[in-house]
Amino acid sequence: MAKDRAKKESKAFQEKKETVIEIQKNLESAKSVVFIDYRGLTVAEASELRAKARAIGVKYKVYKNNLVKIALNNIGITALDAQLTGTLAVAFSDKDEVAAVKLVAGQDYKNKMAFKFGLMGKSVLDGASVAGLRDLPSKEVLIARLCGLLQSGARGIASVINAVPRNLAVVVEARRKQIA
């Protein structure tokens, strides 16, 4: 009887260790991590959210807070220990920094879930800062805007450079007309 209990305990302990390792790997590989209070979601909505998350490359998981705390402490983040309470889901975004935020803040879920806090690299963000990320344009839009700014600067330089010979030609033509 004691051996069976010990086997069950060691198996449960091993599963918890594997879960902590999984969380830690996800934390280390993610560009951003969002911790969400998901109390307003139904089971069907949670399943739909997971499917949408997978489609955009976001990992959405519910872990035990204590296991998340251990994983965070293992990577050197201890400031969040007191905030790991209640019903928390974690969304890891490996490709786009704001993909998880935009997913959760979308029309389908915005009144049913709340941002508790988040991580950008090892920087801790409060719930308000995480919510502010949802207003950022996508990475592609930001890159396009940057290219437009760079192009407009180059266009301005080209017009200034072209203005010198053009203005010289205008002055020479005006002087020629005066002489003639």
Protein backbone atom coordinates (compact mmCIF):
# COMPACT_ATOMS: atom_id res chain seq x y z
CA MET A 1 0.00 0.00 0.00
CA ALA A 2 2.76 2.44 0.91
CA LYS A 3 4.68 1.51 -2.26
CA ASP A 4 1.63 2.24 -4.44
CA ARG A 5 1.20 5.62 -2.75
CA ALA A 6 4.89 6.40 -3.22
CA LYS A 7 4.68 5.46 -6.92
CA LYS A 8 1.63 7.70 -7.39
CA GLU A 9 3.33 10.55 -5.56
CA SER A 10 6.52 10.21 -7.56
CA LYS A 11 4.55 10.05 -10.80
CA ALA A 12 2.60 13.19 -9.85
CA PHE A 13 5.84 14.89 -8.80
CA GLN A 14 7.47 13.95 -12.11
CA GLU A 15 4.49 15.32 -14.06
CA LYS A 16 4.74 18.60 -12.15
CA LYS A 17 8.47 18.82 -12.87
CA GLU A 18 7.79 18.27 -16.58
CA THR A 19 5.10 20.95 -16.52
CA VAL A 20 7.48 23.42 -14.86
CA ILE A 21 10.09 22.67 -17.54
CA GLU A 22 7.44 23.18 -20.26
CA ILE A 23 6.40 26.53 -18.76
CA GLN A 24 10.01 27.61 -18.42
CA LYS A 25 10.79 26.75 -22.05
CA ASN A 26 7.70 28.65 -23.20
CA LEU A 27 8.68 31.67 -21.08
CA GLU A 28 12.23 31.68 -22.43
CA SER A 29 11.24 31.33 -26.08
CA ALA A 30 8.34 33.80 -26.05
CA LYS A 31 8.66 37.37 -27.27
CA SER A 32 5.78 38.26 -24.98
CA VAL A 33 3.69 36.54 -22.34
CA VAL A 34 0.27 37.65 -21.16
CA PHE A 35 -1.38 36.50 -17.93
CA ILE A 36 -5.16 36.65 -18.17
CA ASP A 37 -8.07 36.27 -15.77
CA TYR A 38 -10.40 34.06 -17.79
CA ARG A 39 -13.34 33.73 -15.38
CA GLY A 40 -15.92 35.06 -17.87
CA LEU A 41 -15.29 32.41 -20.53
CA THR A 42 -17.49 29.40 -21.12
CA VAL A 43 -15.90 26.06 -21.98
CA ALA A 44 -16.94 26.46 -25.63
CA GLU A 45 -15.42 29.96 -25.79
CA ALA A 46 -12.19 28.70 -24.19
CA SER A 47 -11.96 25.95 -26.82
CA GLU A 48 -12.60 28.47 -29.58
CA LEU A 49 -9.94 30.79 -28.12
CA ARG A 50 -7.40 27.95 -28.05
CA ALA A 51 -8.11 27.15 -31.71
CA LYS A 52 -7.75 30.81 -32.73
CA ALA A 53 -4.54 31.06 -30.71
CA ARG A 54 -3.03 28.02 -32.44
CA ALA A 55 -3.93 29.49 -35.83
CA ILE A 56 -1.90 32.65 -35.16
CA GLY A 57 1.01 30.93 -33.40
CA VAL A 58 0.06 31.74 -29.80
CA LYS A 59 0.16 29.10 -27.06
CA TYR A 60 -2.79 29.52 -24.69
CA LYS A 61 -2.60 27.37 -21.56
CA VAL A 62 -4.01 27.17 -18.06
CA TYR A 63 -1.44 26.10 -15.47
CA LYS A 64 -1.43 25.85 -11.71
CA ASN A 65 -0.22 29.17 -10.31
CA ASN A 66 2.37 27.48 -8.10
CA LEU A 67 3.98 25.77 -11.11
CA VAL A 68 4.08 29.08 -13.00
CA LYS A 69 5.66 30.71 -9.94
CA ILE A 70 8.39 28.05 -9.83
CA ALA A 71 9.10 28.44 -13.57
CA LEU A 72 9.25 32.25 -13.27
CA ASN A 73 11.59 32.00 -10.29
CA ASN A 74 13.81 29.57 -12.22
CA ILE A 75 14.37 32.21 -14.92
CA GLY A 76 14.96 34.97 -12.36
CA ILE A 77 11.56 36.71 -12.22
CA THR A 78 10.35 36.91 -8.63
CA ALA A 79 8.40 40.19 -8.73
CA LEU A 80 5.19 38.42 -9.79
CA ASP A 81 4.90 35.90 -6.96
CA ALA A 82 2.16 37.83 -5.12
CA GLN A 83 0.14 38.35 -8.32
CA LEU A 84 -0.12 34.68 -9.20
CA THR A 85 -3.54 34.15 -7.65
CA GLY A 86 -6.99 33.23 -8.86
CA THR A 87 -7.89 31.88 -12.26
CA LEU A 88 -5.00 32.61 -14.58
CA ALA A 89 -4.42 31.59 -18.17
CA VAL A 90 -1.12 32.23 -19.91
CA ALA A 91 -0.71 33.20 -23.56
CA PHE A 92 2.79 32.84 -25.01
CA SER A 93 3.55 34.64 -28.26
CA ASP A 94 6.71 33.43 -30.01
CA LYS A 95 6.42 35.32 -33.30
CA ASP A 96 4.62 38.61 -32.80
CA GLU A 97 4.92 40.61 -29.58
CA VAL A 98 1.28 41.73 -29.57
CA ALA A 99 -0.49 38.75 -31.14
CA ALA A 100 -1.67 37.32 -27.81
CA VAL A 101 -2.85 40.73 -26.59
CA LYS A 102 -4.80 41.39 -29.77
CA LEU A 103 -6.39 37.94 -29.62
CA VAL A 104 -7.61 38.34 -26.05
CA ALA A 105 -8.62 41.98 -26.55
CA GLY A 106 -10.61 41.06 -29.66
CA GLN A 107 -14.34 41.64 -29.95
CA ASP A 108 -15.22 38.08 -28.93
CA TYR A 109 -13.48 38.17 -25.54
CA LYS A 110 -12.84 41.77 -24.47
CA ASN A 111 -15.63 41.89 -21.87
CA LYS A 112 -15.03 38.36 -20.60
CA MET A 113 -11.32 38.39 -19.84
CA ALA A 114 -8.99 40.81 -18.09
CA PHE A 115 -5.24 41.31 -18.40
CA LYS A 116 -3.56 40.77 -15.04
CA PHE A 117 0.06 41.40 -16.11
CA GLY A 118 2.53 40.44 -18.80
CA LEU A 119 6.15 40.01 -19.79
CA MET A 120 8.12 41.45 -22.70
CA GLY A 121 11.37 39.58 -22.54
CA LYS A 122 12.14 39.85 -18.81
CA SER A 123 10.39 43.19 -18.37
CA VAL A 124 7.24 43.00 -16.27
CA LEU A 125 4.18 44.93 -17.49
CA ASP A 126 1.12 45.72 -15.41
CA GLY A 127 -2.39 45.03 -16.71
CA ALA A 128 -2.87 48.59 -18.01
CA SER A 129 0.40 48.46 -19.96
CA VAL A 130 -0.55 45.13 -21.49
CA ALA A 131 -3.96 46.51 -22.46
CA GLY A 132 -2.21 49.48 -24.10
CA LEU A 133 -0.37 47.10 -26.43
CA ARG A 134 -3.63 46.16 -28.16
CA ASP A 135 -3.73 49.60 -29.82
CA LEU A 136 -0.36 49.11 -31.49
CA PRO A 137 -0.52 48.45 -35.20
CA SER A 138 0.79 45.13 -36.48
CA LYS A 139 4.48 44.61 -37.11
CA GLU A 140 3.93 44.78 -40.87
CA VAL A 141 2.16 48.14 -40.59
CA LEU A 142 4.95 49.54 -38.41
CA ILE A 143 7.58 48.37 -40.91
CA ALA A 144 5.62 49.95 -43.77
CA ARG A 145 5.38 53.23 -41.87
CA LEU A 146 9.11 53.18 -41.16
CA CYS A 147 9.85 52.54 -44.84
CA GLY A 148 7.59 55.44 -45.77
CA LEU A 149 9.42 57.74 -43.38
CA LEU A 150 12.79 56.66 -44.71
CA GLN A 151 11.60 57.07 -48.28
CA SER A 152 10.21 60.54 -47.62
CA GLY A 153 13.56 61.61 -46.17
CA ALA A 154 15.39 60.30 -49.23
CA ARG A 155 12.85 62.01 -51.48
CA GLY A 156 13.46 65.31 -49.67
CA ILE A 157 17.23 64.98 -50.08
CA ALA A 158 16.83 64.19 -53.79
CA SER A 159 14.60 67.23 -54.34
CA VAL A 160 17.12 69.51 -52.58
CA ILE A 161 19.97 68.10 -54.66
CA ASN A 162 17.94 68.52 -57.87
CA ALA A 163 16.95 72.07 -56.89
CA VAL A 164 20.51 73.40 -57.21
CA PRO A 165 20.96 72.70 -60.95
CA ARG A 166 17.32 73.60 -61.64
CA ASN A 167 17.68 76.95 -59.88
CA LEU A 168 21.00 77.56 -61.63
CA ALA A 169 19.32 76.90 -64.97
CA VAL A 170 16.53 79.36 -64.09
CA VAL A 171 19.09 82.05 -63.13
CA VAL A 172 21.14 81.48 -66.30
CA GLU A 173 17.98 81.67 -68.45
CA ALA A 174 16.88 84.87 -66.71
CA ARG A 175 20.32 86.44 -67.22
CA ARG A 176 20.32 85.39 -70.90
CA LYS A 177 16.96 87.12 -71.40
CA GLN A 178 18.28 90.29 -69.74
CA ILE A 179 21.27 90.38 -72.05
CA ALA A 180 19.27 89.70 -75.18
